[in-house]
Amino acid sequence: MKNTRLAWIALIGLAVACGPKPAEETAEVEVVEEVVVPDNTLSEEEKAGGWMLLFDGEDPSGWRAFNGDSFPEGWTIEDGALKALGKGGDIGGDIVFGPMEFEEFELEWDWKISPGGNSGVLYHVVEDPKYHAPYETGPEYQVIDQLGFPDPLEKWQSIGADYAMTEPDYEGAVKPAGEWNHSKIVFSEKGSSYWLNGKKTVEFVPYSEEWTAARNSGKWNDYPDYAISKKGLISLQDHGAVTWFKNIKIKTL
């Protein structure tokens, strides 16, 4: 009988302990509703911050062939993305955003690439009949299938590199071909950086002694105007691989 009574006392105590708390003792929980921004649009905060879209997901207006005057047949629009059909090569196939040149900026975009593919995003690109491709003048953020590229890659050729200038740290940020990636370039003479899926892959100070040594190390001997211009066009590369680009946005610094 004594044991039964103690058991009832314990159950009553547990019920009291687990029962509803007075209003003043109840912790307040703030419910934050996540704002989902559709592809190829800007949030109100981004608009206020000076961001602009370079592609709306439907109309390629502003994009044209390098040294050309129209949107080339080697590109199309698919599911809200600019799609390179892989018809380009070392020369030919690349497109530029023609209406504006940029100097110091922050550029973001999403991309995916076909297995074994190689591509890139370039800036400070200069157009002139004497130049055959954007890479003759513009620095490049390397876009590549790091996991499935058929040939061995040097570090300076790897994903997220400042191509042939600054070697990247991409560990933990690489996704397989066919998956979407998010990339970012921050270019400022005070200090620049490239990012891949939230990880900083490179940082450098443009036109510094270290940067100039890389510029003059031999890779660019055949391209004397490489990285000389401090402003120019944004370019997307078709280097012979099917590649998709969307959510391309930029703000000046």
C-alpha atoms as a PDB file:
ATOM      1  CA  MET A   1       0.000   0.000   0.000  1.00  0.00           C
ATOM      2  CA  LYS A   2       2.836   2.345   0.909  1.00  0.00           C
ATOM      3  CA  ASN A   3       4.524   1.704  -2.432  1.00  0.00           C
ATOM      4  CA  THR A   4       1.280   2.377  -4.347  1.00  0.00           C
ATOM      5  CA  ARG A   5       0.795   5.677  -2.556  1.00  0.00           C
ATOM      6  CA  LEU A   6       4.350   6.769  -3.358  1.00  0.00           C
ATOM      7  CA  ALA A   7       3.792   5.865  -6.984  1.00  0.00           C
ATOM      8  CA  TRP A   8       0.684   8.066  -7.184  1.00  0.00           C
ATOM      9  CA  ILE A   9       2.570  10.958  -5.586  1.00  0.00           C
ATOM     10  CA  ALA A  10       5.352  10.567  -8.175  1.00  0.00           C
ATOM     11  CA  LEU A  11       2.878  10.555 -11.062  1.00  0.00           C
ATOM     12  CA  ILE A  12       1.129  13.677  -9.779  1.00  0.00           C
ATOM     13  CA  GLY A  13       4.487  15.449  -9.443  1.00  0.00           C
ATOM     14  CA  LEU A  14       5.462  14.499 -12.989  1.00  0.00           C
ATOM     15  CA  ALA A  15       2.157  15.786 -14.354  1.00  0.00           C
ATOM     16  CA  VAL A  16       2.664  19.113 -12.598  1.00  0.00           C
ATOM     17  CA  ALA A  17       6.221  19.395 -13.893  1.00  0.00           C
ATOM     18  CA  CYS A  18       5.146  18.648 -17.471  1.00  0.00           C
ATOM     19  CA  GLY A  19       1.969  20.695 -17.414  1.00  0.00           C
ATOM     20  CA  PRO A  20       1.416  24.031 -19.131  1.00  0.00           C
ATOM     21  CA  LYS A  21       3.607  26.891 -17.897  1.00  0.00           C
ATOM     22  CA  PRO A  22       2.218  30.235 -16.918  1.00  0.00           C
ATOM     23  CA  ALA A  23       2.253  32.741 -19.771  1.00  0.00           C
ATOM     24  CA  GLU A  24       5.080  34.734 -18.208  1.00  0.00           C
ATOM     25  CA  GLU A  25       7.318  31.633 -18.097  1.00  0.00           C
ATOM     26  CA  THR A  26       6.734  30.573 -21.720  1.00  0.00           C
ATOM     27  CA  ALA A  27       9.739  31.359 -23.934  1.00  0.00           C
ATOM     28  CA  GLU A  28       8.907  33.473 -26.966  1.00  0.00           C
ATOM     29  CA  VAL A  29       9.918  31.962 -30.298  1.00  0.00           C
ATOM     30  CA  GLU A  30      10.225  34.252 -33.289  1.00  0.00           C
ATOM     31  CA  VAL A  31       9.109  32.606 -36.484  1.00  0.00           C
ATOM     32  CA  VAL A  32      11.188  33.896 -39.409  1.00  0.00           C
ATOM     33  CA  GLU A  33       9.605  33.314 -42.778  1.00  0.00           C
ATOM     34  CA  GLU A  34      12.214  32.522 -45.442  1.00  0.00           C
ATOM     35  CA  VAL A  35      11.922  34.741 -48.478  1.00  0.00           C
ATOM     36  CA  VAL A  36      12.434  32.745 -51.662  1.00  0.00           C
ATOM     37  CA  VAL A  37      13.660  34.872 -54.552  1.00  0.00           C
ATOM     38  CA  PRO A  38      12.773  33.357 -57.938  1.00  0.00           C
ATOM     39  CA  ASP A  39      15.587  32.699 -60.404  1.00  0.00           C
ATOM     40  CA  ASN A  40      16.845  35.659 -62.414  1.00  0.00           C
ATOM     41  CA  THR A  41      15.226  38.263 -60.165  1.00  0.00           C
ATOM     42  CA  LEU A  42      16.460  40.626 -57.482  1.00  0.00           C
ATOM     43  CA  SER A  43      15.140  40.985 -53.972  1.00  0.00           C
ATOM     44  CA  GLU A  44      14.091  44.417 -52.759  1.00  0.00           C
ATOM     45  CA  GLU A  45      17.199  44.471 -50.581  1.00  0.00           C
ATOM     46  CA  GLU A  46      19.431  43.732 -53.578  1.00  0.00           C
ATOM     47  CA  LYS A  47      17.767  46.443 -55.632  1.00  0.00           C
ATOM     48  CA  ALA A  48      18.333  48.926 -52.816  1.00  0.00           C
ATOM     49  CA  GLY A  49      21.960  47.769 -52.622  1.00  0.00           C
ATOM     50  CA  GLY A  50      22.665  48.662 -56.243  1.00  0.00           C
ATOM     51  CA  TRP A  51      22.558  45.200 -57.829  1.00  0.00           C
ATOM     52  CA  MET A  52      21.509  44.809 -61.454  1.00  0.00           C
ATOM     53  CA  LEU A  53      20.590  41.710 -63.448  1.00  0.00           C
ATOM     54  CA  LEU A  54      22.528  40.876 -66.598  1.00  0.00           C
ATOM     55  CA  PHE A  55      19.951  38.281 -67.697  1.00  0.00           C
ATOM     56  CA  ASP A  56      16.243  37.920 -66.894  1.00  0.00           C
ATOM     57  CA  GLY A  57      15.918  34.241 -67.769  1.00  0.00           C
ATOM     58  CA  GLU A  58      14.010  34.818 -71.006  1.00  0.00           C
ATOM     59  CA  ASP A  59      15.527  37.547 -73.158  1.00  0.00           C
ATOM     60  CA  PRO A  60      19.237  37.531 -74.094  1.00  0.00           C
ATOM     61  CA  SER A  61      19.162  41.269 -74.847  1.00  0.00           C
ATOM     62  CA  GLY A  62      22.556  42.803 -74.148  1.00  0.00           C
ATOM     63  CA  TRP A  63      24.431  39.569 -74.783  1.00  0.00           C
ATOM     64  CA  ARG A  64      26.134  39.159 -78.149  1.00  0.00           C
ATOM     65  CA  ALA A  65      29.077  37.436 -79.733  1.00  0.00           C
ATOM     66  CA  PHE A  66      32.525  38.725 -78.841  1.00  0.00           C
ATOM     67  CA  ASN A  67      33.446  41.277 -81.530  1.00  0.00           C
ATOM     68  CA  GLY A  68      29.967  40.702 -82.957  1.00  0.00           C
ATOM     69  CA  ASP A  69      26.633  42.471 -83.072  1.00  0.00           C
ATOM     70  CA  SER A  70      24.104  39.691 -82.375  1.00  0.00           C
ATOM     71  CA  PHE A  71      23.361  36.754 -80.101  1.00  0.00           C
ATOM     72  CA  PRO A  72      25.164  33.798 -81.713  1.00  0.00           C
ATOM     73  CA  GLU A  73      23.652  30.504 -82.863  1.00  0.00           C
ATOM     74  CA  GLY A  74      25.985  28.612 -80.532  1.00  0.00           C
ATOM     75  CA  TRP A  75      23.958  29.804 -77.538  1.00  0.00           C
ATOM     76  CA  THR A  76      20.338  29.391 -76.535  1.00  0.00           C
ATOM     77  CA  ILE A  77      18.019  29.850 -73.543  1.00  0.00           C
ATOM     78  CA  GLU A  78      16.919  26.749 -71.668  1.00  0.00           C
ATOM     79  CA  ASP A  79      14.858  26.625 -68.468  1.00  0.00           C
ATOM     80  CA  GLY A  80      15.811  30.163 -67.502  1.00  0.00           C
ATOM     81  CA  ALA A  81      19.515  29.776 -68.227  1.00  0.00           C
ATOM     82  CA  LEU A  82      21.893  30.971 -70.916  1.00  0.00           C
ATOM     83  CA  LYS A  83      23.169  27.747 -72.436  1.00  0.00           C
ATOM     84  CA  ALA A  84      26.399  27.381 -74.374  1.00  0.00           C
ATOM     85  CA  LEU A  85      25.919  24.538 -76.847  1.00  0.00           C
ATOM     86  CA  GLY A  86      29.574  23.520 -76.807  1.00  0.00           C
ATOM     87  CA  LYS A  87      30.276  24.619 -80.359  1.00  0.00           C
ATOM     88  CA  GLY A  88      33.068  27.005 -79.367  1.00  0.00           C
ATOM     89  CA  GLY A  89      36.727  26.337 -78.864  1.00  0.00           C
ATOM     90  CA  ASP A  90      39.989  28.118 -78.195  1.00  0.00           C
ATOM     91  CA  ILE A  91      38.824  30.779 -80.630  1.00  0.00           C
ATOM     92  CA  GLY A  92      35.179  31.667 -81.195  1.00  0.00           C
ATOM     93  CA  GLY A  93      31.952  30.950 -79.360  1.00  0.00           C
ATOM     94  CA  ASP A  94      32.224  33.342 -76.407  1.00  0.00           C
ATOM     95  CA  ILE A  95      29.635  36.007 -75.625  1.00  0.00           C
ATOM     96  CA  VAL A  96      29.871  39.380 -73.881  1.00  0.00           C
ATOM     97  CA  PHE A  97      27.420  41.656 -72.100  1.00  0.00           C
ATOM     98  CA  GLY A  98      27.770  44.611 -74.424  1.00  0.00           C
ATOM     99  CA  PRO A  99      25.881  47.579 -72.946  1.00  0.00           C
ATOM    100  CA  MET A 100      28.259  48.369 -70.086  1.00  0.00           C
ATOM    101  CA  GLU A 101      31.885  48.147 -69.030  1.00  0.00           C
ATOM    102  CA  PHE A 102      32.769  47.467 -65.411  1.00  0.00           C
ATOM    103  CA  GLU A 103      35.814  48.452 -63.383  1.00  0.00           C
ATOM    104  CA  GLU A 104      35.480  47.536 -59.679  1.00  0.00           C
ATOM    105  CA  PHE A 105      32.525  45.269 -59.040  1.00  0.00           C
ATOM    106  CA  GLU A 106      30.958  42.277 -57.329  1.00  0.00           C
ATOM    107  CA  LEU A 107      29.595  39.659 -59.725  1.00  0.00           C
ATOM    108  CA  GLU A 108      27.549  36.581 -58.791  1.00  0.00           C
ATOM    109  CA  TRP A 109      26.103  33.795 -60.925  1.00  0.00           C
ATOM    110  CA  ASP A 110      24.966  30.163 -60.877  1.00  0.00           C
ATOM    111  CA  TRP A 111      26.361  27.639 -63.321  1.00  0.00           C
ATOM    112  CA  LYS A 112      26.542  23.972 -64.179  1.00  0.00           C
ATOM    113  CA  ILE A 113      28.630  22.135 -66.755  1.00  0.00           C
ATOM    114  CA  SER A 114      28.457  18.911 -68.728  1.00  0.00           C
ATOM    115  CA  PRO A 115      30.771  15.996 -67.820  1.00  0.00           C
ATOM    116  CA  GLY A 116      34.391  16.672 -68.733  1.00  0.00           C
ATOM    117  CA  GLY A 117      33.592  20.289 -69.562  1.00  0.00           C
ATOM    118  CA  ASN A 118      35.712  23.427 -69.438  1.00  0.00           C
ATOM    119  CA  SER A 119      34.475  27.027 -69.457  1.00  0.00           C
ATOM    120  CA  GLY A 120      34.979  30.345 -67.676  1.00  0.00           C
ATOM    121  CA  VAL A 121      33.727  33.803 -66.794  1.00  0.00           C
ATOM    122  CA  LEU A 122      35.932  36.729 -67.794  1.00  0.00           C
ATOM    123  CA  TYR A 123      35.976  40.453 -67.028  1.00  0.00           C
ATOM    124  CA  HIS A 124      37.764  43.616 -68.186  1.00  0.00           C
ATOM    125  CA  VAL A 125      37.444  42.169 -71.684  1.00  0.00           C
ATOM    126  CA  VAL A 126      38.386  44.531 -74.520  1.00  0.00           C
ATOM    127  CA  GLU A 127      36.943  44.191 -78.009  1.00  0.00           C
ATOM    128  CA  ASP A 128      39.003  44.945 -81.101  1.00  0.00           C
ATOM    129  CA  PRO A 129      39.530  43.137 -84.413  1.00  0.00           C
ATOM    130  CA  LYS A 130      43.109  42.430 -83.345  1.00  0.00           C
ATOM    131  CA  TYR A 131      41.832  40.257 -80.485  1.00  0.00           C
ATOM    132  CA  HIS A 132      40.469  36.834 -81.361  1.00  0.00           C
ATOM    133  CA  ALA A 133      39.103  35.818 -77.942  1.00  0.00           C
ATOM    134  CA  PRO A 134      38.195  37.462 -74.618  1.00  0.00           C
ATOM    135  CA  TYR A 135      41.033  35.701 -72.768  1.00  0.00           C
ATOM    136  CA  GLU A 136      43.596  37.758 -74.700  1.00  0.00           C
ATOM    137  CA  THR A 137      42.682  40.747 -72.532  1.00  0.00           C
ATOM    138  CA  GLY A 138      40.395  39.617 -69.701  1.00  0.00           C
ATOM    139  CA  PRO A 139      41.206  37.734 -66.470  1.00  0.00           C
ATOM    140  CA  GLU A 140      39.229  34.523 -66.005  1.00  0.00           C
ATOM    141  CA  TYR A 141      37.376  32.745 -63.230  1.00  0.00           C
ATOM    142  CA  GLN A 142      37.915  29.099 -64.115  1.00  0.00           C
ATOM    143  CA  VAL A 143      34.757  27.001 -64.574  1.00  0.00           C
ATOM    144  CA  ILE A 144      35.523  23.306 -65.120  1.00  0.00           C
ATOM    145  CA  ASP A 145      34.424  19.766 -64.257  1.00  0.00           C
ATOM    146  CA  GLN A 146      37.091  19.364 -61.598  1.00  0.00           C
ATOM    147  CA  LEU A 147      36.109  15.786 -60.779  1.00  0.00           C
ATOM    148  CA  GLY A 148      35.612  14.465 -64.282  1.00  0.00           C
ATOM    149  CA  PHE A 149      37.953  16.403 -66.559  1.00  0.00           C
ATOM    150  CA  PRO A 150      39.659  13.834 -68.803  1.00  0.00           C
ATOM    151  CA  ASP A 151      43.187  15.246 -68.477  1.00  0.00           C
ATOM    152  CA  PRO A 152      45.236  15.960 -65.345  1.00  0.00           C
ATOM    153  CA  LEU A 153      44.726  19.523 -64.140  1.00  0.00           C
ATOM    154  CA  GLU A 154      47.429  21.814 -62.864  1.00  0.00           C
ATOM    155  CA  LYS A 155      46.411  23.804 -59.803  1.00  0.00           C
ATOM    156  CA  TRP A 156      46.325  27.029 -61.834  1.00  0.00           C
ATOM    157  CA  GLN A 157      43.842  25.378 -64.235  1.00  0.00           C
ATOM    158  CA  SER A 158      41.514  24.188 -61.491  1.00  0.00           C
ATOM    159  CA  ILE A 159      38.005  25.251 -60.549  1.00  0.00           C
ATOM    160  CA  GLY A 160      37.729  28.665 -58.920  1.00  0.00           C
ATOM    161  CA  ALA A 161      41.230  29.704 -60.022  1.00  0.00           C
ATOM    162  CA  ASP A 162      42.209  33.136 -61.253  1.00  0.00           C
ATOM    163  CA  TYR A 163      43.263  31.266 -64.364  1.00  0.00           C
ATOM    164  CA  ALA A 164      47.053  30.989 -64.763  1.00  0.00           C
ATOM    165  CA  MET A 165      47.485  33.709 -62.118  1.00  0.00           C
ATOM    166  CA  THR A 166      46.425  32.572 -58.641  1.00  0.00           C
ATOM    167  CA  GLU A 167      45.988  28.947 -57.580  1.00  0.00           C
ATOM    168  CA  PRO A 168      42.689  28.108 -55.831  1.00  0.00           C
ATOM    169  CA  ASP A 169      41.739  26.349 -52.621  1.00  0.00           C
ATOM    170  CA  TYR A 170      38.609  24.504 -53.713  1.00  0.00           C
ATOM    171  CA  GLU A 171      38.615  21.616 -51.220  1.00  0.00           C
ATOM    172  CA  GLY A 172      35.139  20.889 -49.911  1.00  0.00           C
ATOM    173  CA  ALA A 173      33.409  23.182 -52.418  1.00  0.00           C
ATOM    174  CA  VAL A 174      33.448  21.057 -55.582  1.00  0.00           C
ATOM    175  CA  LYS A 175      30.242  19.520 -56.958  1.00  0.00           C
ATOM    176  CA  PRO A 176      29.957  16.876 -59.699  1.00  0.00           C
ATOM    177  CA  ALA A 177      29.215  17.881 -63.286  1.00  0.00           C
ATOM    178  CA  GLY A 178      25.534  18.550 -63.863  1.00  0.00           C
ATOM    179  CA  GLU A 179      24.915  20.119 -60.446  1.00  0.00           C
ATOM    180  CA  TRP A 180      24.377  23.837 -59.954  1.00  0.00           C
ATOM    181  CA  ASN A 181      27.172  25.900 -58.396  1.00  0.00           C
ATOM    182  CA  HIS A 182      27.165  29.440 -57.052  1.00  0.00           C
ATOM    183  CA  SER A 183      30.189  31.603 -57.817  1.00  0.00           C
ATOM    184  CA  LYS A 184      31.282  35.128 -57.032  1.00  0.00           C
ATOM    185  CA  ILE A 185      34.017  37.538 -58.093  1.00  0.00           C
ATOM    186  CA  VAL A 186      34.848  40.566 -55.985  1.00  0.00           C
ATOM    187  CA  PHE A 187      37.221  42.809 -57.904  1.00  0.00           C
ATOM    188  CA  SER A 188      38.747  45.829 -56.210  1.00  0.00           C
ATOM    189  CA  GLU A 189      42.221  47.297 -56.446  1.00  0.00           C
ATOM    190  CA  LYS A 190      42.328  47.190 -52.644  1.00  0.00           C
ATOM    191  CA  GLY A 191      41.879  43.416 -52.698  1.00  0.00           C
ATOM    192  CA  SER A 192      40.024  40.888 -54.837  1.00  0.00           C
ATOM    193  CA  SER A 193      38.639  37.407 -54.277  1.00  0.00           C
ATOM    194  CA  TYR A 194      36.862  34.542 -56.026  1.00  0.00           C
ATOM    195  CA  TRP A 195      34.287  32.326 -54.310  1.00  0.00           C
ATOM    196  CA  LEU A 196      32.784  28.898 -55.025  1.00  0.00           C
ATOM    197  CA  ASN A 197      29.695  27.631 -53.214  1.00  0.00           C
ATOM    198  CA  GLY A 198      30.388  29.905 -50.260  1.00  0.00           C
ATOM    199  CA  LYS A 199      34.130  29.201 -50.031  1.00  0.00           C
ATOM    200  CA  LYS A 200      36.822  31.724 -50.914  1.00  0.00           C
ATOM    201  CA  THR A 201      39.057  30.031 -53.472  1.00  0.00           C
ATOM    202  CA  VAL A 202      41.556  32.814 -54.195  1.00  0.00           C
ATOM    203  CA  GLU A 203      42.444  36.289 -53.019  1.00  0.00           C
ATOM    204  CA  PHE A 204      44.892  38.726 -54.558  1.00  0.00           C
ATOM    205  CA  VAL A 205      45.710  42.409 -54.842  1.00  0.00           C
ATOM    206  CA  PRO A 206      45.506  43.483 -58.492  1.00  0.00           C
ATOM    207  CA  TYR A 207      48.523  45.298 -59.903  1.00  0.00           C
ATOM    208  CA  SER A 208      50.574  44.538 -56.778  1.00  0.00           C
ATOM    209  CA  GLU A 209      54.153  43.288 -56.977  1.00  0.00           C
ATOM    210  CA  GLU A 210      53.031  39.668 -56.496  1.00  0.00           C
ATOM    211  CA  TRP A 211      50.256  40.013 -59.056  1.00  0.00           C
ATOM    212  CA  THR A 212      52.621  41.616 -61.592  1.00  0.00           C
ATOM    213  CA  ALA A 213      55.114  38.776 -61.124  1.00  0.00           C
ATOM    214  CA  ALA A 214      52.380  36.250 -61.949  1.00  0.00           C
ATOM    215  CA  ARG A 215      51.305  38.357 -64.925  1.00  0.00           C
ATOM    216  CA  ASN A 216      54.862  38.377 -66.280  1.00  0.00           C
ATOM    217  CA  SER A 217      55.741  34.749 -65.453  1.00  0.00           C
ATOM    218  CA  GLY A 218      55.548  33.579 -69.076  1.00  0.00           C
ATOM    219  CA  LYS A 219      52.004  32.260 -69.530  1.00  0.00           C
ATOM    220  CA  TRP A 220      50.828  35.513 -71.057  1.00  0.00           C
ATOM    221  CA  ASN A 221      53.888  36.272 -73.202  1.00  0.00           C
ATOM    222  CA  ASP A 222      51.845  35.752 -76.368  1.00  0.00           C
ATOM    223  CA  TYR A 223      49.138  38.118 -75.107  1.00  0.00           C
ATOM    224  CA  PRO A 224      50.831  41.412 -74.236  1.00  0.00           C
ATOM    225  CA  ASP A 225      47.493  43.146 -73.530  1.00  0.00           C
ATOM    226  CA  TYR A 226      46.283  40.567 -71.015  1.00  0.00           C
ATOM    227  CA  ALA A 227      44.940  42.221 -67.834  1.00  0.00           C
ATOM    228  CA  ILE A 228      46.232  45.646 -68.878  1.00  0.00           C
ATOM    229  CA  SER A 229      42.829  47.327 -69.078  1.00  0.00           C
ATOM    230  CA  LYS A 230      41.326  48.237 -65.705  1.00  0.00           C
ATOM    231  CA  LYS A 231      37.788  48.132 -67.070  1.00  0.00           C
ATOM    232  CA  GLY A 232      35.941  46.206 -69.726  1.00  0.00           C
ATOM    233  CA  LEU A 233      33.128  43.788 -70.570  1.00  0.00           C
ATOM    234  CA  ILE A 234      31.860  40.678 -68.792  1.00  0.00           C
ATOM    235  CA  SER A 235      32.183  37.526 -70.917  1.00  0.00           C
ATOM    236  CA  LEU A 236      30.849  33.970 -70.727  1.00  0.00           C
ATOM    237  CA  GLN A 237      32.982  31.322 -72.393  1.00  0.00           C
ATOM    238  CA  ASP A 238      31.997  28.488 -74.693  1.00  0.00           C
ATOM    239  CA  HIS A 239      35.152  26.406 -74.644  1.00  0.00           C
ATOM    240  CA  GLY A 240      33.619  23.404 -76.359  1.00  0.00           C
ATOM    241  CA  ALA A 241      31.419  22.158 -73.503  1.00  0.00           C
ATOM    242  CA  VAL A 242      27.698  22.493 -72.885  1.00  0.00           C
ATOM    243  CA  THR A 243      27.421  24.947 -69.982  1.00  0.00           C
ATOM    244  CA  TRP A 244      24.532  26.775 -68.304  1.00  0.00           C
ATOM    245  CA  PHE A 245      24.524  30.199 -66.592  1.00  0.00           C
ATOM    246  CA  LYS A 246      21.719  31.895 -64.649  1.00  0.00           C
ATOM    247  CA  ASN A 247      21.112  34.394 -61.830  1.00  0.00           C
ATOM    248  CA  ILE A 248      23.836  36.631 -63.255  1.00  0.00           C
ATOM    249  CA  LYS A 249      23.928  39.854 -61.250  1.00  0.00           C
ATOM    250  CA  ILE A 250      26.447  42.592 -60.603  1.00  0.00           C
ATOM    251  CA  LYS A 251      26.960  45.743 -58.598  1.00  0.00           C
ATOM    252  CA  THR A 252      29.675  48.335 -58.929  1.00  0.00           C
ATOM    253  CA  LEU A 253      32.012  49.047 -56.014  1.00  0.00           C
END
